[in-house]
Amino acid sequence: MKRLHGGLGQLYAETDYVLQSNGLGAITSPCSQTNLKWITDTVSHIEVIYRRIIPFDSKAVGDSFWHEMTKNYVESAVRHGQSLQEAKVAAISQAFTLELEEDGSPVKIQLHYAGKRVADPHREVLVLSGQSQLLEAFGAVVSGIAFEEKHWLVLSELSAGVTLVKQLRFESVLEGVEQRLLIG
């Protein structure tokens, strides 16, 4: 898999070279931007945005990302006038409690996730939002310790078969997406 990942990285680099030599030099890829803004003395907000150009159809890339994001999730309820297939494609949600043991002591975390996919003919946006709350640690009930996370992805069709990917996080699903795209 590492060799495949490296080969795909080389393919990205070669594609970038060809696209930039044909007038798309304003789009640097891959690139990242990091914004650090202090909210309080104890909380910070960090965003790392990655951009890359990939030689695959934006619909195929979107389908692969959505599959990797949702393969372990439950589809949201069907709204009035919406088919089951439309509901499955549009949104997901999941809530569960994770119980594990840390150094012989029980730890309990409650997790809530929701995701949404919005697509138009030349652009697609995928968003995943999560909230986690620590309920129990080392045998004691805990309150007031929570964590929020947001992941988003914007896919833009540059031309037929060429996609600009802008992502905030989602690194955890990227390997599965690359594998699905290469297998077809």
N, C-alpha and C. Protein backbone atom coordinates (compact mmCIF):
# COMPACT_ATOMS: atom_id res chain seq x y z
N MET A 1 0.81 -1.18 0.00
CA MET A 1 0.00 0.00 0.00
C MET A 1 0.87 1.26 0.00
N LYS A 2 2.01 1.22 0.73
CA LYS A 2 2.90 2.38 0.74
C LYS A 2 3.45 2.66 -0.65
N ARG A 3 3.79 1.59 -1.38
CA ARG A 3 4.30 1.76 -2.74
C ARG A 3 3.21 2.35 -3.64
N LEU A 4 1.98 1.86 -3.48
CA LEU A 4 0.86 2.37 -4.25
C LEU A 4 0.62 3.84 -3.93
N HIS A 5 0.68 4.19 -2.64
CA HIS A 5 0.49 5.57 -2.22
C HIS A 5 1.58 6.47 -2.81
N GLY A 6 2.83 6.00 -2.79
CA GLY A 6 3.93 6.76 -3.38
C GLY A 6 3.76 6.94 -4.87
N GLY A 7 3.30 5.88 -5.55
CA GLY A 7 3.05 5.95 -6.99
C GLY A 7 1.96 6.95 -7.31
N LEU A 8 0.92 6.99 -6.48
CA LEU A 8 -0.16 7.94 -6.69
C LEU A 8 0.33 9.36 -6.44
N GLY A 9 1.22 9.54 -5.45
CA GLY A 9 1.81 10.85 -5.19
C GLY A 9 2.60 11.34 -6.39
N GLN A 10 3.34 10.44 -7.03
CA GLN A 10 4.09 10.79 -8.24
C GLN A 10 3.14 11.17 -9.37
N LEU A 11 2.03 10.44 -9.48
CA LEU A 11 1.03 10.75 -10.50
C LEU A 11 0.46 12.15 -10.26
N TYR A 12 0.18 12.50 -8.99
CA TYR A 12 -0.29 13.84 -8.66
C TYR A 12 0.73 14.88 -9.11
N ALA A 13 2.00 14.64 -8.80
CA ALA A 13 3.06 15.61 -9.14
C ALA A 13 3.16 15.80 -10.64
N GLU A 14 3.11 14.70 -11.39
CA GLU A 14 3.19 14.80 -12.85
C GLU A 14 1.98 15.52 -13.42
N THR A 15 0.81 15.24 -12.87
CA THR A 15 -0.41 15.91 -13.33
C THR A 15 -0.33 17.40 -13.04
N ASP A 16 0.14 17.76 -11.85
CA ASP A 16 0.31 19.18 -11.52
C ASP A 16 1.24 19.86 -12.50
N TYR A 17 2.35 19.21 -12.84
CA TYR A 17 3.31 19.79 -13.77
C TYR A 17 2.65 20.07 -15.12
N VAL A 18 1.91 19.09 -15.63
CA VAL A 18 1.24 19.25 -16.93
C VAL A 18 0.21 20.37 -16.87
N LEU A 19 -0.61 20.38 -15.82
CA LEU A 19 -1.65 21.40 -15.71
C LEU A 19 -1.06 22.79 -15.54
N GLN A 20 0.00 22.93 -14.74
CA GLN A 20 0.60 24.23 -14.54
C GLN A 20 1.32 24.72 -15.80
N SER A 21 1.87 23.80 -16.57
CA SER A 21 2.54 24.21 -17.81
C SER A 21 1.52 24.61 -18.87
N ASN A 22 0.24 24.31 -18.63
CA ASN A 22 -0.82 24.69 -19.56
C ASN A 22 -1.65 25.86 -19.04
N GLY A 23 -1.07 26.69 -18.17
CA GLY A 23 -1.75 27.91 -17.75
C GLY A 23 -2.45 27.86 -16.41
N LEU A 24 -2.35 26.77 -15.68
CA LEU A 24 -2.99 26.70 -14.37
C LEU A 24 -1.98 26.90 -13.25
N GLY A 25 -0.94 27.67 -13.50
CA GLY A 25 0.11 27.89 -12.51
C GLY A 25 -0.36 28.64 -11.28
N ALA A 26 -1.51 29.31 -11.35
CA ALA A 26 -2.01 30.04 -10.18
C ALA A 26 -2.47 29.09 -9.08
N ILE A 27 -2.77 27.85 -9.44
CA ILE A 27 -3.20 26.88 -8.44
C ILE A 27 -1.99 26.07 -8.03
N THR A 28 -1.51 26.28 -6.82
CA THR A 28 -0.37 25.52 -6.33
C THR A 28 -0.89 24.24 -5.69
N SER A 29 -0.27 23.13 -6.03
CA SER A 29 -0.76 21.86 -5.53
C SER A 29 0.38 20.88 -5.42
N PRO A 30 0.49 20.05 -4.41
CA PRO A 30 -0.33 20.20 -3.22
C PRO A 30 0.15 21.39 -2.39
N CYS A 31 -0.74 21.98 -1.64
CA CYS A 31 -0.35 23.09 -0.78
C CYS A 31 -1.18 23.03 0.48
N SER A 32 -0.75 23.69 1.50
CA SER A 32 -1.54 23.73 2.72
C SER A 32 -1.50 25.13 3.31
N GLN A 33 -2.57 25.50 3.98
CA GLN A 33 -2.64 26.75 4.70
C GLN A 33 -2.97 26.41 6.14
N THR A 34 -2.33 27.08 7.05
CA THR A 34 -2.63 26.85 8.47
C THR A 34 -3.00 28.17 9.10
N ASN A 35 -4.15 28.19 9.76
CA ASN A 35 -4.59 29.37 10.49
C ASN A 35 -4.65 29.03 11.96
N LEU A 36 -4.00 29.83 12.79
CA LEU A 36 -4.02 29.60 14.23
C LEU A 36 -4.61 30.84 14.88
N LYS A 37 -5.71 30.68 15.60
CA LYS A 37 -6.37 31.80 16.24
C LYS A 37 -6.69 31.40 17.67
N TRP A 38 -6.18 32.16 18.62
CA TRP A 38 -6.45 31.86 20.03
C TRP A 38 -7.84 32.36 20.37
N ILE A 39 -8.66 31.49 20.92
CA ILE A 39 -10.01 31.85 21.34
C ILE A 39 -10.01 32.24 22.82
N THR A 40 -9.35 31.46 23.66
CA THR A 40 -9.16 31.80 25.07
C THR A 40 -7.75 31.37 25.44
N ASP A 41 -7.42 31.48 26.71
CA ASP A 41 -6.10 31.04 27.16
C ASP A 41 -5.92 29.54 27.06
N THR A 42 -7.01 28.79 27.09
CA THR A 42 -6.90 27.33 27.14
C THR A 42 -7.41 26.63 25.89
N VAL A 43 -8.05 27.34 24.98
CA VAL A 43 -8.64 26.71 23.80
C VAL A 43 -8.06 27.35 22.55
N SER A 44 -7.71 26.56 21.57
CA SER A 44 -7.23 27.12 20.31
C SER A 44 -7.99 26.50 19.16
N HIS A 45 -7.93 27.17 18.04
CA HIS A 45 -8.62 26.75 16.82
C HIS A 45 -7.57 26.65 15.72
N ILE A 46 -7.39 25.46 15.18
CA ILE A 46 -6.37 25.25 14.16
C ILE A 46 -7.04 24.65 12.93
N GLU A 47 -6.76 25.20 11.77
CA GLU A 47 -7.27 24.65 10.52
C GLU A 47 -6.10 24.43 9.58
N VAL A 48 -6.06 23.27 8.98
CA VAL A 48 -5.07 22.98 7.96
C VAL A 48 -5.84 22.61 6.70
N ILE A 49 -5.68 23.40 5.67
CA ILE A 49 -6.41 23.20 4.42
C ILE A 49 -5.44 22.69 3.37
N TYR A 50 -5.77 21.57 2.77
CA TYR A 50 -4.95 20.99 1.72
C TYR A 50 -5.65 21.17 0.38
N ARG A 51 -4.87 21.43 -0.65
CA ARG A 51 -5.39 21.52 -2.01
C ARG A 51 -4.53 20.65 -2.90
N ARG A 52 -5.18 19.95 -3.79
CA ARG A 52 -4.43 19.18 -4.78
C ARG A 52 -5.29 18.97 -6.01
N ILE A 53 -4.63 18.76 -7.11
CA ILE A 53 -5.30 18.47 -8.38
C ILE A 53 -5.08 17.00 -8.66
N ILE A 54 -6.17 16.29 -8.97
CA ILE A 54 -6.04 14.86 -9.23
C ILE A 54 -6.68 14.52 -10.56
N PRO A 55 -6.12 13.53 -11.26
CA PRO A 55 -6.59 13.18 -12.60
C PRO A 55 -7.75 12.18 -12.58
N PHE A 56 -8.80 12.48 -11.84
CA PHE A 56 -9.98 11.64 -11.79
C PHE A 56 -11.21 12.52 -11.88
N ASP A 57 -12.31 11.96 -12.35
CA ASP A 57 -13.58 12.65 -12.46
C ASP A 57 -14.07 13.06 -11.07
N SER A 58 -14.59 14.27 -10.94
CA SER A 58 -15.00 14.77 -9.62
C SER A 58 -16.13 13.94 -9.03
N LYS A 59 -17.02 13.40 -9.84
CA LYS A 59 -18.10 12.55 -9.33
C LYS A 59 -17.53 11.27 -8.74
N ALA A 60 -16.55 10.67 -9.42
CA ALA A 60 -15.93 9.44 -8.90
C ALA A 60 -15.19 9.71 -7.60
N VAL A 61 -14.50 10.85 -7.51
CA VAL A 61 -13.79 11.22 -6.28
C VAL A 61 -14.80 11.43 -5.16
N GLY A 62 -15.89 12.15 -5.45
CA GLY A 62 -16.92 12.39 -4.44
C GLY A 62 -17.57 11.11 -3.96
N ASP A 63 -17.88 10.21 -4.90
CA ASP A 63 -18.48 8.92 -4.53
C ASP A 63 -17.53 8.12 -3.64
N SER A 64 -16.24 8.14 -3.97
CA SER A 64 -15.25 7.39 -3.18
C SER A 64 -15.11 7.97 -1.77
N PHE A 65 -15.02 9.30 -1.67
CA PHE A 65 -14.94 9.92 -0.35
C PHE A 65 -16.18 9.62 0.48
N TRP A 66 -17.37 9.76 -0.13
CA TRP A 66 -18.61 9.53 0.61
C TRP A 66 -18.70 8.07 1.06
N HIS A 67 -18.28 7.13 0.20
CA HIS A 67 -18.30 5.72 0.59
C HIS A 67 -17.39 5.48 1.79
N GLU A 68 -16.17 6.02 1.74
CA GLU A 68 -15.23 5.82 2.84
C GLU A 68 -15.73 6.49 4.13
N MET A 69 -16.37 7.65 4.00
CA MET A 69 -16.90 8.34 5.16
C MET A 69 -18.06 7.59 5.81
N THR A 70 -18.91 6.99 5.00
CA THR A 70 -20.19 6.49 5.49
C THR A 70 -20.28 4.98 5.60
N LYS A 71 -19.24 4.25 5.31
CA LYS A 71 -19.38 2.79 5.28
C LYS A 71 -19.72 2.20 6.64
N ASN A 72 -19.45 2.89 7.73
CA ASN A 72 -19.79 2.40 9.07
C ASN A 72 -20.89 3.22 9.73
N TYR A 73 -21.58 4.05 8.97
CA TYR A 73 -22.60 4.93 9.53
C TYR A 73 -24.00 4.44 9.18
N VAL A 74 -24.98 5.03 9.85
CA VAL A 74 -26.38 4.74 9.61
C VAL A 74 -26.96 5.91 8.82
N GLU A 75 -27.73 5.61 7.79
CA GLU A 75 -28.32 6.67 6.98
C GLU A 75 -29.35 7.44 7.80
N SER A 76 -29.50 8.73 7.50
CA SER A 76 -30.51 9.54 8.18
C SER A 76 -31.90 9.14 7.70
N ALA A 77 -32.89 9.56 8.46
CA ALA A 77 -34.28 9.24 8.12
C ALA A 77 -34.67 9.88 6.79
N VAL A 78 -35.59 9.23 6.10
CA VAL A 78 -36.09 9.73 4.83
C VAL A 78 -37.07 10.87 5.10
N ARG A 79 -36.87 12.01 4.44
CA ARG A 79 -37.79 13.14 4.56
C ARG A 79 -38.96 12.96 3.61
N HIS A 80 -40.04 13.69 3.84
CA HIS A 80 -41.23 13.62 2.99
C HIS A 80 -40.86 13.96 1.54
N GLY A 81 -41.26 13.13 0.61
CA GLY A 81 -40.99 13.35 -0.81
C GLY A 81 -39.60 12.94 -1.25
N GLN A 82 -38.84 12.29 -0.40
CA GLN A 82 -37.47 11.90 -0.72
C GLN A 82 -37.40 10.37 -0.79
N SER A 83 -36.73 9.87 -1.82
CA SER A 83 -36.59 8.43 -1.94
C SER A 83 -35.54 7.92 -0.95
N LEU A 84 -35.57 6.61 -0.68
CA LEU A 84 -34.59 6.00 0.22
C LEU A 84 -33.18 6.20 -0.31
N GLN A 85 -32.99 6.08 -1.64
CA GLN A 85 -31.68 6.27 -2.25
C GLN A 85 -31.19 7.71 -2.06
N GLU A 86 -32.09 8.70 -2.23
CA GLU A 86 -31.71 10.10 -2.03
C GLU A 86 -31.28 10.35 -0.59
N ALA A 87 -32.00 9.76 0.36
CA ALA A 87 -31.65 9.94 1.77
C ALA A 87 -30.29 9.34 2.07
N LYS A 88 -30.01 8.18 1.49
CA LYS A 88 -28.72 7.52 1.72
C LYS A 88 -27.57 8.34 1.15
N VAL A 89 -27.80 8.96 0.00
CA VAL A 89 -26.75 9.73 -0.65
C VAL A 89 -26.54 11.08 0.03
N ALA A 90 -27.58 11.66 0.64
CA ALA A 90 -27.52 13.04 1.11
C ALA A 90 -26.95 13.23 2.51
N ALA A 91 -27.28 12.35 3.47
CA ALA A 91 -26.88 12.64 4.85
C ALA A 91 -26.77 11.36 5.67
N ILE A 92 -25.94 11.42 6.70
CA ILE A 92 -25.76 10.30 7.63
C ILE A 92 -25.66 10.85 9.04
N SER A 93 -25.92 9.98 10.02
CA SER A 93 -25.72 10.37 11.41
C SER A 93 -25.46 9.12 12.23
N GLN A 94 -24.78 9.30 13.34
CA GLN A 94 -24.47 8.18 14.22
C GLN A 94 -24.17 8.69 15.61
N ALA A 95 -24.65 7.97 16.61
CA ALA A 95 -24.35 8.28 18.01
C ALA A 95 -24.05 6.97 18.72
N PHE A 96 -23.00 6.95 19.51
CA PHE A 96 -22.66 5.74 20.25
C PHE A 96 -21.79 6.10 21.45
N THR A 97 -21.71 5.17 22.37
CA THR A 97 -20.86 5.33 23.55
C THR A 97 -19.72 4.33 23.46
N LEU A 98 -18.53 4.83 23.56
CA LEU A 98 -17.33 4.00 23.48
C LEU A 98 -16.84 3.73 24.90
N GLU A 99 -16.72 2.46 25.24
CA GLU A 99 -16.21 2.07 26.55
C GLU A 99 -14.90 1.32 26.34
N LEU A 100 -13.85 1.79 26.99
CA LEU A 100 -12.55 1.14 26.88
C LEU A 100 -11.85 1.18 28.22
N GLU A 101 -10.70 0.56 28.27
CA GLU A 101 -9.95 0.50 29.51
C GLU A 101 -8.58 1.15 29.30
N GLU A 102 -8.24 2.08 30.17
CA GLU A 102 -6.96 2.79 30.10
C GLU A 102 -6.21 2.52 31.39
N ASP A 103 -5.09 1.82 31.31
CA ASP A 103 -4.29 1.45 32.49
C ASP A 103 -5.13 0.75 33.56
N GLY A 104 -6.03 -0.13 33.10
CA GLY A 104 -6.86 -0.90 34.03
C GLY A 104 -8.07 -0.17 34.57
N SER A 105 -8.27 1.08 34.18
CA SER A 105 -9.42 1.86 34.64
C SER A 105 -10.38 2.11 33.49
N PRO A 106 -11.70 2.03 33.75
CA PRO A 106 -12.66 2.25 32.66
C PRO A 106 -12.72 3.71 32.22
N VAL A 107 -12.89 3.88 30.91
CA VAL A 107 -13.07 5.20 30.31
C VAL A 107 -14.30 5.10 29.41
N LYS A 108 -15.20 6.06 29.51
CA LYS A 108 -16.42 6.05 28.72
C LYS A 108 -16.55 7.40 28.00
N ILE A 109 -16.72 7.33 26.66
CA ILE A 109 -16.83 8.54 25.84
C ILE A 109 -18.10 8.42 25.00
N GLN A 110 -18.90 9.47 24.96
CA GLN A 110 -20.09 9.49 24.12
C GLN A 110 -19.76 10.29 22.86
N LEU A 111 -20.07 9.72 21.68
CA LEU A 111 -19.75 10.35 20.40
C LEU A 111 -21.02 10.55 19.58
N HIS A 112 -21.10 11.69 18.90
CA HIS A 112 -22.21 12.00 17.99
C HIS A 112 -21.58 12.53 16.69
N TYR A 113 -21.98 11.95 15.55
CA TYR A 113 -21.48 12.41 14.26
C TYR A 113 -22.63 12.62 13.30
N ALA A 114 -22.49 13.60 12.42
CA ALA A 114 -23.45 13.84 11.35
C ALA A 114 -22.68 14.26 10.11
N GLY A 115 -23.14 13.81 8.95
CA GLY A 115 -22.48 14.16 7.70
C GLY A 115 -23.49 14.55 6.65
N LYS A 116 -23.08 15.37 5.71
CA LYS A 116 -23.96 15.83 4.64
C LYS A 116 -23.16 15.95 3.35
N ARG A 117 -23.83 15.65 2.26
CA ARG A 117 -23.22 15.75 0.93
C ARG A 117 -24.14 16.59 0.05
N VAL A 118 -23.57 17.64 -0.57
CA VAL A 118 -24.31 18.52 -1.46
C VAL A 118 -23.56 18.57 -2.78
N ALA A 119 -24.26 18.32 -3.88
CA ALA A 119 -23.60 18.28 -5.19
C ALA A 119 -24.38 19.09 -6.21
N ASP A 120 -23.65 19.78 -7.07
CA ASP A 120 -24.23 20.38 -8.26
C ASP A 120 -23.40 19.89 -9.44
N PRO A 121 -23.71 20.27 -10.66
CA PRO A 121 -23.00 19.67 -11.81
C PRO A 121 -21.48 19.82 -11.82
N HIS A 122 -20.93 20.89 -11.25
CA HIS A 122 -19.48 21.10 -11.35
C HIS A 122 -18.77 21.21 -10.00
N ARG A 123 -19.50 20.99 -8.90
CA ARG A 123 -18.90 21.12 -7.58
C ARG A 123 -19.64 20.22 -6.60
N GLU A 124 -18.89 19.73 -5.63
CA GLU A 124 -19.48 18.87 -4.61
C GLU A 124 -18.85 19.22 -3.26
N VAL A 125 -19.68 19.25 -2.21
CA VAL A 125 -19.21 19.57 -0.87
C VAL A 125 -19.62 18.44 0.06
N LEU A 126 -18.67 17.93 0.85
CA LEU A 126 -18.94 16.90 1.86
C LEU A 126 -18.50 17.46 3.21
N VAL A 127 -19.37 17.33 4.21
CA VAL A 127 -19.09 17.85 5.54
C VAL A 127 -19.38 16.77 6.57
N LEU A 128 -18.49 16.61 7.54
CA LEU A 128 -18.69 15.69 8.66
C LEU A 128 -18.41 16.47 9.93
N SER A 129 -19.36 16.44 10.85
CA SER A 129 -19.22 17.16 12.11
C SER A 129 -19.41 16.19 13.26
N GLY A 130 -18.60 16.34 14.30
CA GLY A 130 -18.70 15.43 15.43
C GLY A 130 -18.54 16.13 16.75
N GLN A 131 -19.20 15.59 17.76
CA GLN A 131 -19.05 16.06 19.13
C GLN A 131 -18.83 14.85 20.01
N SER A 132 -17.82 14.93 20.86
CA SER A 132 -17.51 13.85 21.79
C SER A 132 -17.50 14.42 23.20
N GLN A 133 -17.96 13.62 24.15
CA GLN A 133 -17.98 14.07 25.55
C GLN A 133 -17.46 12.94 26.43
N LEU A 134 -16.52 13.28 27.28
CA LEU A 134 -15.98 12.31 28.24
C LEU A 134 -17.00 12.16 29.37
N LEU A 135 -17.47 10.92 29.60
CA LEU A 135 -18.47 10.65 30.63
C LEU A 135 -17.87 10.07 31.90
N GLU A 136 -16.85 9.23 31.73
CA GLU A 136 -16.25 8.56 32.88
C GLU A 136 -14.77 8.34 32.61
N ALA A 137 -13.95 8.59 33.61
CA ALA A 137 -12.51 8.35 33.48
C ALA A 137 -11.97 7.85 34.81
N PHE A 138 -11.23 6.76 34.75
CA PHE A 138 -10.58 6.18 35.93
C PHE A 138 -11.58 5.90 37.05
N GLY A 139 -12.78 5.45 36.63
CA GLY A 139 -13.80 5.06 37.60
C GLY A 139 -14.63 6.19 38.16
N ALA A 140 -14.38 7.43 37.76
CA ALA A 140 -15.14 8.58 38.27
C ALA A 140 -15.96 9.21 37.15
N VAL A 141 -17.16 9.65 37.47
CA VAL A 141 -18.01 10.35 36.51
C VAL A 141 -17.41 11.73 36.25
N VAL A 142 -17.36 12.11 34.97
CA VAL A 142 -16.75 13.37 34.56
C VAL A 142 -17.80 14.20 33.81
N SER A 143 -17.79 15.50 33.99
CA SER A 143 -18.67 16.37 33.20
C SER A 143 -17.89 17.60 32.77
N GLY A 144 -18.33 18.19 31.67
CA GLY A 144 -17.72 19.43 31.20
C GLY A 144 -16.52 19.27 30.31
N ILE A 145 -16.15 18.03 29.94
CA ILE A 145 -15.02 17.83 29.04
C ILE A 145 -15.58 17.34 27.71
N ALA A 146 -15.48 18.19 26.68
CA ALA A 146 -16.05 17.87 25.37
C ALA A 146 -15.06 18.25 24.28
N PHE A 147 -15.28 17.66 23.11
CA PHE A 147 -14.42 17.89 21.95
C PHE A 147 -15.30 17.99 20.72
N GLU A 148 -15.06 18.99 19.88
CA GLU A 148 -15.78 19.13 18.62
C GLU A 148 -14.80 19.00 17.48
N GLU A 149 -15.26 18.39 16.40
CA GLU A 149 -14.43 18.30 15.20
C GLU A 149 -15.28 18.51 13.97
N LYS A 150 -14.68 19.11 12.95
CA LYS A 150 -15.36 19.31 11.67
C LYS A 150 -14.39 18.95 10.57
N HIS A 151 -14.91 18.24 9.59
CA HIS A 151 -14.14 17.88 8.41
C HIS A 151 -14.95 18.35 7.21
N TRP A 152 -14.30 18.94 6.23
CA TRP A 152 -15.02 19.27 5.01
C TRP A 152 -14.13 19.08 3.79
N LEU A 153 -14.80 18.91 2.67
CA LEU A 153 -14.12 18.64 1.41
C LEU A 153 -14.91 19.34 0.32
N VAL A 154 -14.21 20.07 -0.56
CA VAL A 154 -14.85 20.69 -1.72
C VAL A 154 -14.15 20.14 -2.95
N LEU A 155 -14.94 19.57 -3.85
CA LEU A 155 -14.42 19.04 -5.11
C LEU A 155 -14.93 19.92 -6.23
N SER A 156 -14.03 20.44 -7.05
CA SER A 156 -14.41 21.28 -8.18
C SER A 156 -13.87 20.66 -9.45
N GLU A 157 -14.72 20.59 -10.46
CA GLU A 157 -14.30 20.04 -11.75
C GLU A 157 -13.55 21.13 -12.52
N LEU A 158 -12.25 20.90 -12.76
CA LEU A 158 -11.47 21.85 -13.55
C LEU A 158 -11.72 21.64 -15.03
N SER A 159 -11.76 20.39 -15.44
CA SER A 159 -12.11 19.98 -16.80
C SER A 159 -12.51 18.52 -16.71
N ALA A 160 -12.94 17.95 -17.81
CA ALA A 160 -13.38 16.55 -17.80
C ALA A 160 -12.25 15.65 -17.30
N GLY A 161 -12.50 14.91 -16.23
CA GLY A 161 -11.50 13.99 -15.69
C GLY A 161 -10.43 14.61 -14.82
N VAL A 162 -10.55 15.91 -14.50
CA VAL A 162 -9.56 16.58 -13.65
C VAL A 162 -10.31 17.31 -12.53
N THR A 163 -9.91 17.03 -11.28
CA THR A 163 -10.62 17.56 -10.11
C THR A 163 -9.67 18.32 -9.19
N LEU A 164 -10.12 19.49 -8.72
CA LEU A 164 -9.41 20.23 -7.69
C LEU A 164 -10.04 19.83 -6.36
N VAL A 165 -9.21 19.34 -5.43
CA VAL A 165 -9.68 18.90 -4.12
C VAL A 165 -9.19 19.91 -3.08
N LYS A 166 -10.11 20.46 -2.29
CA LYS A 166 -9.77 21.30 -1.14
C LYS A 166 -10.32 20.56 0.07
N GLN A 167 -9.46 20.28 1.03
CA GLN A 167 -9.92 19.51 2.18
C GLN A 167 -9.40 20.07 3.49
N LEU A 168 -10.24 19.96 4.49
CA LEU A 168 -9.88 20.26 5.87
C LEU A 168 -10.04 18.95 6.61
N ARG A 169 -8.94 18.35 6.99
CA ARG A 169 -8.85 17.03 7.61
C ARG A 169 -9.20 15.96 6.59
N PHE A 170 -9.93 14.93 6.92
CA PHE A 170 -10.26 13.79 6.07
C PHE A 170 -9.05 12.94 5.71
N GLU A 171 -7.86 13.19 6.33
CA GLU A 171 -6.70 12.38 6.00
C GLU A 171 -6.94 10.91 6.31
N SER A 172 -7.78 10.64 7.30
CA SER A 172 -8.01 9.25 7.71
C SER A 172 -8.71 8.43 6.65
N VAL A 173 -9.47 9.07 5.76
CA VAL A 173 -10.16 8.32 4.72
C VAL A 173 -9.44 8.38 3.38
N LEU A 174 -8.39 9.19 3.29
CA LEU A 174 -7.73 9.42 2.00
C LEU A 174 -7.14 8.15 1.40
N GLU A 175 -6.55 7.30 2.23
CA GLU A 175 -5.94 6.06 1.71
C GLU A 175 -7.00 5.16 1.08
N GLY A 176 -8.15 5.02 1.73
CA GLY A 176 -9.24 4.22 1.17
C GLY A 176 -9.77 4.80 -0.12
N VAL A 177 -9.84 6.12 -0.21
CA VAL A 177 -10.30 6.78 -1.42
C VAL A 177 -9.34 6.50 -2.57
N GLU A 178 -8.04 6.66 -2.32
CA GLU A 178 -7.05 6.41 -3.37
C GLU A 178 -7.14 4.97 -3.87
N GLN A 179 -7.31 4.03 -2.96
CA GLN A 179 -7.41 2.63 -3.35
C GLN A 179 -8.65 2.39 -4.20
N ARG A 180 -9.80 2.96 -3.80
CA ARG A 180 -11.04 2.79 -4.57
C ARG A 180 -10.90 3.40 -5.97
N LEU A 181 -10.26 4.57 -6.08
CA LEU A 181 -10.11 5.22 -7.38
C LEU A 181 -9.22 4.40 -8.31
N LEU A 182 -8.15 3.83 -7.78
CA LEU A 182 -7.24 3.06 -8.63
C LEU A 182 -7.81 1.72 -9.05
N ILE A 183 -8.63 1.11 -8.18
CA ILE A 183 -9.25 -0.17 -8.52
C ILE A 183 -10.38 0.03 -9.51
N GLY A 184 -11.09 1.15 -9.37
CA GLY A 184 -12.17 1.47 -10.29
C GLY A 184 -13.44 1.16 -9.69
